[in-house]
Amino acid sequence: MFSKFAFKIFEESIIAYHVKDDVNQLFTNPHPKGEIAHILYRKNWIDTVQWHYEDIIRDPNINPEAALVLKRKIDASNQDRTDLVEYVDSYFLNKYQSVEIRSNATINTESPAWAIDRLSILALKVYHMNEEANRTDASEDHIEKCRLKLQVLLEQKKDLSTAIDQLLSDIERGVKYMKVYKQMKMYNDEELNPVLRGQK
């Protein structure tokens, strides 16, 4: 199942990041270029770094200048994340391009890659909630609450994985079809963002 394969790649990325646990560490991808595993690993690494960016920027004592620099990094990270999602969808579009679409086929509310994007974030939630549920310096109440939350996340993982695999199966059988819209983000575009346009 693709969801199981993807989640394993996401876990691999998360564990590798936490060896140094540093947002500034060098990135290396163990998977060959051109393979979907390479794209999935890179996708999750971006999510993992951004997860920690979001922790850092919430420091109430953060220097305002440092916060602005970090906000720019988060913006760039969001763009990279979107680009990688589109690469994943391109992979599926290519994979299923010869499928004969049935006359009664329907479109899904989101593309496979955006569902996989949610699975990548969920892998991060599971990893960090598991950490919290196994802390030795936290209260029993905190640990119990985190264990209950972890159970919910694991149930969500099961449901989301099932939904992703069902969607891919439906696309492969022509029961559903893919229609991908490129993300037309306007705030980074000098021609579309009136603030940036006014500074040209």
Protein backbone atom coordinates (compact mmCIF):
# COMPACT_ATOMS: atom_id res chain seq x y z
CA MET A 1 0.00 0.00 0.00
CA PHE A 2 1.32 3.43 -0.92
CA SER A 3 0.35 5.01 2.40
CA LYS A 4 2.43 2.50 4.36
CA PHE A 5 5.40 3.08 2.04
CA ALA A 6 5.06 6.87 2.37
CA PHE A 7 4.67 6.84 6.15
CA LYS A 8 7.83 4.75 6.48
CA ILE A 9 9.74 7.33 4.42
CA PHE A 10 8.31 10.13 6.58
CA GLU A 11 9.41 8.35 9.77
CA GLU A 12 12.87 7.86 8.29
CA SER A 13 13.15 11.59 7.60
CA ILE A 14 11.88 12.59 11.05
CA ILE A 15 14.28 10.27 12.86
CA ALA A 16 17.21 11.47 10.74
CA TYR A 17 16.37 15.12 11.50
CA HIS A 18 16.23 14.50 15.25
CA VAL A 19 19.73 13.01 15.37
CA LYS A 20 21.00 16.62 15.41
CA ASP A 21 17.63 18.33 16.00
CA ASP A 22 18.83 21.55 14.41
CA VAL A 23 16.91 23.61 11.85
CA ASN A 24 20.22 24.74 10.33
CA GLN A 25 21.68 21.29 9.73
CA LEU A 26 22.68 20.22 6.24
CA PHE A 27 20.12 18.17 4.34
CA THR A 28 21.08 14.95 2.61
CA ASN A 29 18.64 12.67 0.84
CA PRO A 30 19.43 8.93 1.03
CA HIS A 31 17.07 8.08 -1.84
CA PRO A 32 18.07 8.32 -5.53
CA LYS A 33 16.83 11.28 -7.54
CA GLY A 34 13.96 10.44 -9.83
CA GLU A 35 12.37 8.03 -7.36
CA ILE A 36 9.17 8.90 -5.51
CA ALA A 37 10.94 8.05 -2.24
CA HIS A 38 13.36 10.92 -2.91
CA ILE A 39 10.49 13.39 -3.27
CA LEU A 40 8.62 12.06 -0.22
CA TYR A 41 11.75 12.25 1.95
CA ARG A 42 12.45 15.81 0.85
CA LYS A 43 8.80 16.74 1.38
CA ASN A 44 8.78 15.51 4.96
CA TRP A 45 12.15 17.09 5.74
CA ILE A 46 10.69 20.47 4.76
CA ASP A 47 7.70 19.78 7.02
CA THR A 48 9.96 18.72 9.88
CA VAL A 49 12.17 21.81 9.70
CA GLN A 50 9.09 24.02 9.47
CA TRP A 51 7.57 22.26 12.50
CA HIS A 52 10.57 23.41 14.50
CA TYR A 53 10.55 26.88 12.94
CA GLU A 54 7.00 27.20 14.27
CA ASP A 55 8.17 26.19 17.76
CA ILE A 56 11.00 28.74 17.72
CA ILE A 57 8.93 31.68 16.48
CA ARG A 58 6.48 31.20 19.36
CA ASP A 59 9.19 32.00 21.91
CA PRO A 60 7.76 35.08 23.70
CA ASN A 61 11.29 36.39 24.20
CA ILE A 62 12.41 36.05 20.60
CA ASN A 63 14.26 39.05 19.20
CA PRO A 64 11.92 40.90 16.77
CA GLU A 65 14.59 41.01 14.05
CA ALA A 66 15.22 37.29 14.44
CA ALA A 67 11.48 36.68 14.29
CA LEU A 68 11.24 38.56 10.99
CA VAL A 69 14.11 36.52 9.52
CA LEU A 70 12.39 33.35 10.70
CA LYS A 71 9.05 34.46 9.23
CA ARG A 72 10.77 34.83 5.85
CA LYS A 73 12.16 31.29 6.23
CA ILE A 74 8.69 29.96 7.03
CA ASP A 75 7.31 31.69 3.93
CA ALA A 76 10.03 30.12 1.77
CA SER A 77 9.42 26.76 3.41
CA ASN A 78 5.70 26.97 2.62
CA GLN A 79 6.51 27.62 -1.03
CA ASP A 80 8.92 24.65 -1.12
CA ARG A 81 6.25 22.48 0.50
CA THR A 82 3.68 23.46 -2.12
CA ASP A 83 6.17 22.78 -4.93
CA LEU A 84 6.88 19.30 -3.57
CA VAL A 85 3.17 18.51 -3.30
CA GLU A 86 2.83 19.38 -6.97
CA TYR A 87 5.77 17.09 -7.81
CA VAL A 88 3.99 14.24 -6.03
CA ASP A 89 0.80 14.90 -7.96
CA SER A 90 2.83 14.97 -11.20
CA TYR A 91 4.12 11.51 -10.29
CA PHE A 92 0.56 10.18 -9.97
CA LEU A 93 -0.65 11.96 -13.10
CA ASN A 94 2.14 10.29 -15.04
CA LYS A 95 1.56 6.91 -13.40
CA TYR A 96 -2.16 6.86 -14.21
CA GLN A 97 -2.11 8.71 -17.53
CA SER A 98 -3.11 5.62 -19.53
CA VAL A 99 -6.03 4.65 -17.29
CA GLU A 100 -9.36 4.57 -19.07
CA ILE A 101 -11.65 6.83 -17.09
CA ARG A 102 -15.18 5.52 -16.71
CA SER A 103 -18.07 7.66 -17.90
CA ASN A 104 -19.48 7.87 -14.37
CA ALA A 105 -16.11 8.62 -12.72
CA THR A 106 -16.06 11.32 -10.07
CA ILE A 107 -13.44 13.77 -8.87
CA ASN A 108 -12.11 13.77 -5.32
CA THR A 109 -12.22 16.79 -3.01
CA GLU A 110 -8.42 16.85 -2.92
CA SER A 111 -5.63 15.38 -5.01
CA PRO A 112 -3.64 12.37 -3.76
CA ALA A 113 -0.61 14.55 -2.99
CA TRP A 114 -2.52 16.90 -0.70
CA ALA A 115 -3.83 13.89 1.25
CA ILE A 116 -0.24 12.61 1.45
CA ASP A 117 0.80 16.07 2.64
CA ARG A 118 -1.58 15.62 5.58
CA LEU A 119 -0.07 12.18 6.23
CA SER A 120 3.39 13.77 6.42
CA ILE A 121 2.19 16.28 9.02
CA LEU A 122 0.43 13.49 10.88
CA ALA A 123 3.70 11.54 11.05
CA LEU A 124 5.24 14.55 12.82
CA LYS A 125 2.32 14.77 15.24
CA VAL A 126 2.64 11.07 16.07
CA TYR A 127 6.40 11.37 16.62
CA HIS A 128 6.19 14.37 18.93
CA MET A 129 3.12 13.19 20.83
CA ASN A 130 4.88 9.88 21.43
CA GLU A 131 7.82 11.86 22.84
CA GLU A 132 5.47 13.71 25.19
CA ALA A 133 3.75 10.50 26.26
CA ASN A 134 7.10 9.02 27.26
CA ARG A 135 8.64 11.98 29.08
CA THR A 136 10.23 11.23 32.44
CA ASP A 137 10.13 14.86 33.63
CA ALA A 138 6.38 15.45 33.18
CA SER A 139 3.42 14.89 35.47
CA GLU A 140 1.34 11.72 35.31
CA ASP A 141 -1.62 13.85 34.24
CA HIS A 142 0.35 15.30 31.30
CA ILE A 143 1.58 11.87 30.26
CA GLU A 144 -1.89 10.33 30.43
CA LYS A 145 -3.41 13.14 28.35
CA CYS A 146 -0.69 12.73 25.74
CA ARG A 147 -1.18 8.97 25.63
CA LEU A 148 -4.87 9.49 24.92
CA LYS A 149 -4.05 12.04 22.21
CA LEU A 150 -1.54 9.62 20.71
CA GLN A 151 -4.24 6.95 20.45
CA VAL A 152 -6.43 9.39 18.53
CA LEU A 153 -3.56 10.30 16.20
CA LEU A 154 -2.86 6.63 15.51
CA GLU A 155 -6.53 6.08 14.71
CA GLN A 156 -6.40 9.09 12.40
CA LYS A 157 -3.31 7.62 10.73
CA LYS A 158 -5.22 4.39 10.08
CA ASP A 159 -8.22 6.22 8.63
CA LEU A 160 -6.20 8.63 6.49
CA SER A 161 -4.00 5.81 5.19
CA THR A 162 -7.08 3.80 4.23
CA ALA A 163 -8.59 6.82 2.47
CA ILE A 164 -5.38 7.52 0.51
CA ASP A 165 -5.02 3.92 -0.62
CA GLN A 166 -8.71 3.76 -1.58
CA LEU A 167 -8.39 6.96 -3.60
CA LEU A 168 -5.35 5.65 -5.48
CA SER A 169 -7.13 2.37 -6.12
CA ASP A 170 -10.18 4.23 -7.46
CA ILE A 171 -7.99 6.35 -9.76
CA GLU A 172 -6.19 3.24 -10.99
CA ARG A 173 -9.54 1.61 -11.81
CA GLY A 174 -10.93 4.73 -13.50
CA VAL A 175 -13.63 5.18 -10.86
CA LYS A 176 -12.17 8.53 -9.88
CA TYR A 177 -10.03 10.86 -11.92
CA MET A 178 -7.33 13.40 -11.11
CA LYS A 179 -7.64 17.04 -11.95
CA VAL A 180 -4.82 19.09 -10.48
CA TYR A 181 -4.90 22.85 -10.08
CA LYS A 182 -1.57 24.57 -9.57
CA GLN A 183 -1.44 26.60 -6.38
CA MET A 184 -1.85 30.19 -7.44
CA LYS A 185 -0.42 31.85 -4.37
CA MET A 186 -0.53 35.60 -4.77
CA TYR A 187 1.38 36.99 -1.80
CA ASN A 188 4.85 36.06 -3.11
CA ASP A 189 4.23 37.43 -6.59
CA GLU A 190 5.47 40.98 -7.25
CA GLU A 191 2.75 41.44 -9.87
CA LEU A 192 -0.13 40.14 -7.72
CA ASN A 193 0.70 41.37 -4.22
CA PRO A 194 -0.15 45.12 -4.15
CA VAL A 195 2.41 45.77 -1.38
CA LEU A 196 5.26 44.24 -3.39
CA ARG A 197 4.01 45.82 -6.60
CA GLY A 198 4.05 49.23 -4.99
CA GLN A 199 7.74 48.88 -4.13
CA LYS A 200 8.91 48.19 -7.68
